[in-house]
Amino acid sequence: MRHLIRKCPKCASYTLKYSCEKCKVPSIDAHPAKYSPDDKYARYRIADRYIQSEEVSDSESLKVDNENSL
C-alpha cells in the first residue's frame, strides 16, 4: 500500500506532494517500513536511507558553495 503523507527531510514539515512547497526539497515517506526479524532485505533499506540522507546534505552543501562563489 502506498502512503499518502510525506515529510520534508530539511524543514521537517509534512506534505502530500513529492517535493516540499517551502524549500523545494524532495520529500520522503513519513511512515516507517514494516519490521520483521526474518527480513532478508533490511540491510538494503538501511543503506538506501543512508544514501538518501547523504544526497540531501550534498545538495545543501552545493547550494552554499554556489552562493559563496557569487
PDB file of N, CA and C in Angstrom:
ATOM      1  N   MET A   1       0.833  -1.181   0.000  1.00  0.00           N
ATOM      2  CA  MET A   1       0.000   0.000   0.000  1.00  0.00           C
ATOM      3  C   MET A   1       0.879   1.245   0.000  1.00  0.00           C
ATOM      4  N   ARG A   2       0.535   2.189  -0.816  1.00  0.00           N
ATOM      5  CA  ARG A   2       1.259   3.450  -0.879  1.00  0.00           C
ATOM      6  C   ARG A   2       0.777   4.378   0.208  1.00  0.00           C
ATOM      7  N   HIS A   3       1.704   5.032   0.859  1.00  0.00           N
ATOM      8  CA  HIS A   3       1.344   6.007   1.877  1.00  0.00           C
ATOM      9  C   HIS A   3       1.179   7.372   1.231  1.00  0.00           C
ATOM     10  N   LEU A   4       0.243   8.145   1.739  1.00  0.00           N
ATOM     11  CA  LEU A   4      -0.025   9.447   1.150  1.00  0.00           C
ATOM     12  C   LEU A   4       0.799  10.561   1.780  1.00  0.00           C
ATOM     13  N   ILE A   5       0.965  10.512   3.085  1.00  0.00           N
ATOM     14  CA  ILE A   5       1.649  11.612   3.753  1.00  0.00           C
ATOM     15  C   ILE A   5       3.159  11.447   3.623  1.00  0.00           C
ATOM     16  N   ARG A   6       3.835  12.552   3.362  1.00  0.00           N
ATOM     17  CA  ARG A   6       5.280  12.559   3.166  1.00  0.00           C
ATOM     18  C   ARG A   6       5.881  13.641   4.056  1.00  0.00           C
ATOM     19  N   LYS A   7       7.190  13.570   4.275  1.00  0.00           N
ATOM     20  CA  LYS A   7       7.856  14.510   5.169  1.00  0.00           C
ATOM     21  C   LYS A   7       9.083  15.094   4.486  1.00  0.00           C
ATOM     22  N   CYS A   8       9.293  16.375   4.692  1.00  0.00           N
ATOM     23  CA  CYS A   8      10.473  17.045   4.153  1.00  0.00           C
ATOM     24  C   CYS A   8      11.654  16.770   5.083  1.00  0.00           C
ATOM     25  N   PRO A   9      12.769  16.261   4.561  1.00  0.00           N
ATOM     26  CA  PRO A   9      13.916  15.986   5.427  1.00  0.00           C
ATOM     27  C   PRO A   9      14.647  17.248   5.879  1.00  0.00           C
ATOM     28  N   LYS A  10      14.441  18.352   5.178  1.00  0.00           N
ATOM     29  CA  LYS A  10      15.154  19.586   5.514  1.00  0.00           C
ATOM     30  C   LYS A  10      14.423  20.397   6.584  1.00  0.00           C
ATOM     31  N   CYS A  11      13.142  20.688   6.365  1.00  0.00           N
ATOM     32  CA  CYS A  11      12.419  21.552   7.307  1.00  0.00           C
ATOM     33  C   CYS A  11      11.457  20.776   8.203  1.00  0.00           C
ATOM     34  N   ALA A  12      11.355  19.474   8.031  1.00  0.00           N
ATOM     35  CA  ALA A  12      10.535  18.575   8.863  1.00  0.00           C
ATOM     36  C   ALA A  12       9.043  18.880   8.798  1.00  0.00           C
ATOM     37  N   SER A  13       8.587  19.494   7.724  1.00  0.00           N
ATOM     38  CA  SER A  13       7.151  19.720   7.562  1.00  0.00           C
ATOM     39  C   SER A  13       6.541  18.550   6.789  1.00  0.00           C
ATOM     40  N   TYR A  14       5.256  18.338   6.987  1.00  0.00           N
ATOM     41  CA  TYR A  14       4.545  17.243   6.331  1.00  0.00           C
ATOM     42  C   TYR A  14       3.790  17.775   5.122  1.00  0.00           C
ATOM     43  N   THR A  15       3.695  16.938   4.083  1.00  0.00           N
ATOM     44  CA  THR A  15       3.025  17.334   2.859  1.00  0.00           C
ATOM     45  C   THR A  15       2.447  16.104   2.174  1.00  0.00           C
ATOM     46  N   LEU A  16       1.593  16.327   1.207  1.00  0.00           N
ATOM     47  CA  LEU A  16       1.061  15.252   0.382  1.00  0.00           C
ATOM     48  C   LEU A  16       1.759  15.202  -0.975  1.00  0.00           C
ATOM     49  N   LYS A  17       2.614  16.165  -1.237  1.00  0.00           N
ATOM     50  CA  LYS A  17       3.289  16.268  -2.526  1.00  0.00           C
ATOM     51  C   LYS A  17       4.657  15.601  -2.480  1.00  0.00           C
ATOM     52  N   TYR A  18       5.239  15.382  -3.649  1.00  0.00           N
ATOM     53  CA  TYR A  18       6.531  14.711  -3.739  1.00  0.00           C
ATOM     54  C   TYR A  18       7.704  15.646  -3.477  1.00  0.00           C
ATOM     55  N   SER A  19       7.451  16.942  -3.393  1.00  0.00           N
ATOM     56  CA  SER A  19       8.501  17.885  -3.008  1.00  0.00           C
ATOM     57  C   SER A  19       7.907  18.906  -2.051  1.00  0.00           C
ATOM     58  N   CYS A  20       8.741  19.409  -1.164  1.00  0.00           N
ATOM     59  CA  CYS A  20       8.298  20.364  -0.150  1.00  0.00           C
ATOM     60  C   CYS A  20       7.959  21.693  -0.819  1.00  0.00           C
ATOM     61  N   GLU A  21       6.845  22.284  -0.435  1.00  0.00           N
ATOM     62  CA  GLU A  21       6.438  23.557  -1.025  1.00  0.00           C
ATOM     63  C   GLU A  21       7.257  24.722  -0.479  1.00  0.00           C
ATOM     64  N   LYS A  22       7.794  24.579   0.728  1.00  0.00           N
ATOM     65  CA  LYS A  22       8.560  25.665   1.346  1.00  0.00           C
ATOM     66  C   LYS A  22       9.985  25.729   0.816  1.00  0.00           C
ATOM     67  N   CYS A  23      10.676  24.587   0.838  1.00  0.00           N
ATOM     68  CA  CYS A  23      12.105  24.604   0.495  1.00  0.00           C
ATOM     69  C   CYS A  23      12.433  23.857  -0.800  1.00  0.00           C
ATOM     70  N   LYS A  24      11.448  23.291  -1.479  1.00  0.00           N
ATOM     71  CA  LYS A  24      11.613  22.635  -2.793  1.00  0.00           C
ATOM     72  C   LYS A  24      12.539  21.418  -2.764  1.00  0.00           C
ATOM     73  N   VAL A  25      12.660  20.769  -1.606  1.00  0.00           N
ATOM     74  CA  VAL A  25      13.461  19.551  -1.465  1.00  0.00           C
ATOM     75  C   VAL A  25      12.537  18.349  -1.662  1.00  0.00           C
ATOM     76  N   PRO A  26      12.984  17.294  -2.335  1.00  0.00           N
ATOM     77  CA  PRO A  26      12.134  16.105  -2.472  1.00  0.00           C
ATOM     78  C   PRO A  26      11.756  15.536  -1.106  1.00  0.00           C
ATOM     79  N   SER A  27      10.480  15.227  -0.931  1.00  0.00           N
ATOM     80  CA  SER A  27      10.005  14.695   0.349  1.00  0.00           C
ATOM     81  C   SER A  27      10.191  13.181   0.386  1.00  0.00           C
ATOM     82  N   ILE A  28      10.185  12.637   1.607  1.00  0.00           N
ATOM     83  CA  ILE A  28      10.352  11.200   1.799  1.00  0.00           C
ATOM     84  C   ILE A  28       9.115  10.640   2.480  1.00  0.00           C
ATOM     85  N   ASP A  29       8.957   9.342   2.418  1.00  0.00           N
ATOM     86  CA  ASP A  29       7.826   8.681   3.051  1.00  0.00           C
ATOM     87  C   ASP A  29       7.913   8.867   4.563  1.00  0.00           C
ATOM     88  N   ALA A  30       6.828   9.289   5.194  1.00  0.00           N
ATOM     89  CA  ALA A  30       6.835   9.569   6.632  1.00  0.00           C
ATOM     90  C   ALA A  30       6.600   8.323   7.470  1.00  0.00           C
ATOM     91  N   HIS A  31       6.194   7.244   6.855  1.00  0.00           N
ATOM     92  CA  HIS A  31       5.871   6.029   7.594  1.00  0.00           C
ATOM     93  C   HIS A  31       7.079   5.098   7.650  1.00  0.00           C
ATOM     94  N   PRO A  32       7.319   4.466   8.787  1.00  0.00           N
ATOM     95  CA  PRO A  32       8.438   3.520   8.866  1.00  0.00           C
ATOM     96  C   PRO A  32       8.129   2.240   8.088  1.00  0.00           C
ATOM     97  N   ALA A  33       9.171   1.576   7.677  1.00  0.00           N
ATOM     98  CA  ALA A  33       8.996   0.304   6.975  1.00  0.00           C
ATOM     99  C   ALA A  33       8.518  -0.763   7.952  1.00  0.00           C
ATOM    100  N   LYS A  34       7.821  -1.756   7.437  1.00  0.00           N
ATOM    101  CA  LYS A  34       7.384  -2.861   8.290  1.00  0.00           C
ATOM    102  C   LYS A  34       8.606  -3.601   8.814  1.00  0.00           C
ATOM    103  N   TYR A  35       8.525  -4.047  10.040  1.00  0.00           N
ATOM    104  CA  TYR A  35       9.648  -4.755  10.651  1.00  0.00           C
ATOM    105  C   TYR A  35       9.340  -6.237  10.752  1.00  0.00           C
ATOM    106  N   SER A  36      10.297  -7.032  10.387  1.00  0.00           N
ATOM    107  CA  SER A  36      10.215  -8.470  10.544  1.00  0.00           C
ATOM    108  C   SER A  36      11.601  -8.969  10.932  1.00  0.00           C
ATOM    109  N   PRO A  37      11.720  -9.774  11.973  1.00  0.00           N
ATOM    110  CA  PRO A  37      13.043 -10.264  12.365  1.00  0.00           C
ATOM    111  C   PRO A  37      13.690 -11.154  11.300  1.00  0.00           C
ATOM    112  N   ASP A  38      12.903 -11.721  10.410  1.00  0.00           N
ATOM    113  CA  ASP A  38      13.427 -12.586   9.356  1.00  0.00           C
ATOM    114  C   ASP A  38      13.610 -11.845   8.033  1.00  0.00           C
ATOM    115  N   ASP A  39      13.637 -10.526   8.075  1.00  0.00           N
ATOM    116  CA  ASP A  39      13.721  -9.718   6.866  1.00  0.00           C
ATOM    117  C   ASP A  39      15.106  -9.846   6.224  1.00  0.00           C
ATOM    118  N   LYS A  40      15.129 -10.339   4.989  1.00  0.00           N
ATOM    119  CA  LYS A  40      16.392 -10.523   4.281  1.00  0.00           C
ATOM    120  C   LYS A  40      16.902  -9.220   3.679  1.00  0.00           C
ATOM    121  N   TYR A  41      16.038  -8.231   3.499  1.00  0.00           N
ATOM    122  CA  TYR A  41      16.399  -7.025   2.767  1.00  0.00           C
ATOM    123  C   TYR A  41      16.561  -5.790   3.647  1.00  0.00           C
ATOM    124  N   ALA A  42      16.550  -5.942   4.953  1.00  0.00           N
ATOM    125  CA  ALA A  42      16.688  -4.797   5.860  1.00  0.00           C
ATOM    126  C   ALA A  42      18.005  -4.065   5.616  1.00  0.00           C
ATOM    127  N   ARG A  43      19.051  -4.804   5.361  1.00  0.00           N
ATOM    128  CA  ARG A  43      20.368  -4.204   5.112  1.00  0.00           C
ATOM    129  C   ARG A  43      20.307  -3.237   3.928  1.00  0.00           C
ATOM    130  N   TYR A  44      19.582  -3.599   2.876  1.00  0.00           N
ATOM    131  CA  TYR A  44      19.498  -2.759   1.689  1.00  0.00           C
ATOM    132  C   TYR A  44      18.649  -1.514   1.939  1.00  0.00           C
ATOM    133  N   ARG A  45      17.571  -1.653   2.702  1.00  0.00           N
ATOM    134  CA  ARG A  45      16.743  -0.491   3.034  1.00  0.00           C
ATOM    135  C   ARG A  45      17.519   0.522   3.867  1.00  0.00           C
ATOM    136  N   ILE A  46      18.287   0.023   4.827  1.00  0.00           N
ATOM    137  CA  ILE A  46      19.083   0.911   5.673  1.00  0.00           C
ATOM    138  C   ILE A  46      20.139   1.624   4.831  1.00  0.00           C
ATOM    139  N   ALA A  47      20.785   0.906   3.934  1.00  0.00           N
ATOM    140  CA  ALA A  47      21.787   1.514   3.059  1.00  0.00           C
ATOM    141  C   ALA A  47      21.149   2.556   2.153  1.00  0.00           C
ATOM    142  N   ASP A  48      19.960   2.287   1.638  1.00  0.00           N
ATOM    143  CA  ASP A  48      19.259   3.233   0.781  1.00  0.00           C
ATOM    144  C   ASP A  48      18.914   4.503   1.549  1.00  0.00           C
ATOM    145  N   ARG A  49      18.468   4.366   2.774  1.00  0.00           N
ATOM    146  CA  ARG A  49      18.133   5.527   3.601  1.00  0.00           C
ATOM    147  C   ARG A  49      19.388   6.368   3.858  1.00  0.00           C
ATOM    148  N   TYR A  50      20.520   5.708   4.096  1.00  0.00           N
ATOM    149  CA  TYR A  50      21.779   6.413   4.330  1.00  0.00           C
ATOM    150  C   TYR A  50      22.192   7.190   3.082  1.00  0.00           C
ATOM    151  N   ILE A  51      22.046   6.589   1.914  1.00  0.00           N
ATOM    152  CA  ILE A  51      22.406   7.251   0.658  1.00  0.00           C
ATOM    153  C   ILE A  51      21.501   8.451   0.417  1.00  0.00           C
ATOM    154  N   GLN A  52      20.197   8.314   0.692  1.00  0.00           N
ATOM    155  CA  GLN A  52      19.271   9.428   0.506  1.00  0.00           C
ATOM    156  C   GLN A  52      19.622  10.592   1.415  1.00  0.00           C
ATOM    157  N   SER A  53      19.991  10.321   2.656  1.00  0.00           N
ATOM    158  CA  SER A  53      20.338  11.405   3.574  1.00  0.00           C
ATOM    159  C   SER A  53      21.628  12.090   3.136  1.00  0.00           C
ATOM    160  N   GLU A  54      22.565  11.345   2.555  1.00  0.00           N
ATOM    161  CA  GLU A  54      23.792  11.950   2.031  1.00  0.00           C
ATOM    162  C   GLU A  54      23.490  12.848   0.843  1.00  0.00           C
ATOM    163  N   GLU A  55      22.558  12.443  -0.027  1.00  0.00           N
ATOM    164  CA  GLU A  55      22.203  13.246  -1.190  1.00  0.00           C
ATOM    165  C   GLU A  55      21.606  14.575  -0.760  1.00  0.00           C
ATOM    166  N   VAL A  56      20.772  14.563   0.267  1.00  0.00           N
ATOM    167  CA  VAL A  56      20.168  15.798   0.755  1.00  0.00           C
ATOM    168  C   VAL A  56      21.245  16.710   1.318  1.00  0.00           C
ATOM    169  N   SER A  57      22.161  16.177   2.110  1.00  0.00           N
ATOM    170  CA  SER A  57      23.220  17.002   2.689  1.00  0.00           C
ATOM    171  C   SER A  57      24.181  17.499   1.608  1.00  0.00           C
ATOM    172  N   ASP A  58      24.443  16.686   0.575  1.00  0.00           N
ATOM    173  CA  ASP A  58      25.301  17.119  -0.524  1.00  0.00           C
ATOM    174  C   ASP A  58      24.654  18.251  -1.305  1.00  0.00           C
ATOM    175  N   SER A  59      23.354  18.169  -1.544  1.00  0.00           N
ATOM    176  CA  SER A  59      22.675  19.229  -2.284  1.00  0.00           C
ATOM    177  C   SER A  59      22.670  20.522  -1.484  1.00  0.00           C
ATOM    178  N   GLU A  60      22.577  20.434  -0.161  1.00  0.00           N
ATOM    179  CA  GLU A  60      22.635  21.632   0.678  1.00  0.00           C
ATOM    180  C   GLU A  60      24.019  22.261   0.614  1.00  0.00           C
ATOM    181  N   SER A  61      25.066  21.452   0.629  1.00  0.00           N
ATOM    182  CA  SER A  61      26.427  21.992   0.582  1.00  0.00           C
ATOM    183  C   SER A  61      26.715  22.609  -0.788  1.00  0.00           C
ATOM    184  N   LEU A  62      26.142  22.056  -1.855  1.00  0.00           N
ATOM    185  CA  LEU A  62      26.324  22.640  -3.183  1.00  0.00           C
ATOM    186  C   LEU A  62      25.674  24.008  -3.261  1.00  0.00           C
ATOM    187  N   LYS A  63      24.508  24.165  -2.644  1.00  0.00           N
ATOM    188  CA  LYS A  63      23.839  25.464  -2.640  1.00  0.00           C
ATOM    189  C   LYS A  63      24.684  26.494  -1.906  1.00  0.00           C
ATOM    190  N   VAL A  64      25.276  26.106  -0.796  1.00  0.00           N
ATOM    191  CA  VAL A  64      26.117  27.020  -0.024  1.00  0.00           C
ATOM    192  C   VAL A  64      27.349  27.395  -0.833  1.00  0.00           C
ATOM    193  N   ASP A  65      27.969  26.427  -1.507  1.00  0.00           N
ATOM    194  CA  ASP A  65      29.143  26.700  -2.330  1.00  0.00           C
ATOM    195  C   ASP A  65      28.802  27.650  -3.471  1.00  0.00           C
ATOM    196  N   ASN A  66      27.643  27.454  -4.111  1.00  0.00           N
ATOM    197  CA  ASN A  66      27.232  28.317  -5.211  1.00  0.00           C
ATOM    198  C   ASN A  66      26.957  29.730  -4.725  1.00  0.00           C
ATOM    199  N   GLU A  67      26.371  29.873  -3.555  1.00  0.00           N
ATOM    200  CA  GLU A  67      26.094  31.202  -3.017  1.00  0.00           C
ATOM    201  C   GLU A  67      27.392  31.918  -2.657  1.00  0.00           C
ATOM    202  N   ASN A  68      28.373  31.186  -2.160  1.00  0.00           N
ATOM    203  CA  ASN A  68      29.649  31.794  -1.790  1.00  0.00           C
ATOM    204  C   ASN A  68      30.450  32.222  -3.012  1.00  0.00           C
ATOM    205  N   SER A  69      30.268  31.549  -4.137  1.00  0.00           N
ATOM    206  CA  SER A  69      31.028  31.886  -5.338  1.00  0.00           C
ATOM    207  C   SER A  69      30.488  33.132  -6.031  1.00  0.00           C
ATOM    208  N   LEU A  70      29.266  33.525  -5.710  1.00  0.00           N
ATOM    209  CA  LEU A  70      28.685  34.716  -6.344  1.00  0.00           C
ATOM    210  C   LEU A  70      29.200  35.922  -5.709  1.00  0.00           C
TER     211      LEU A  70
END
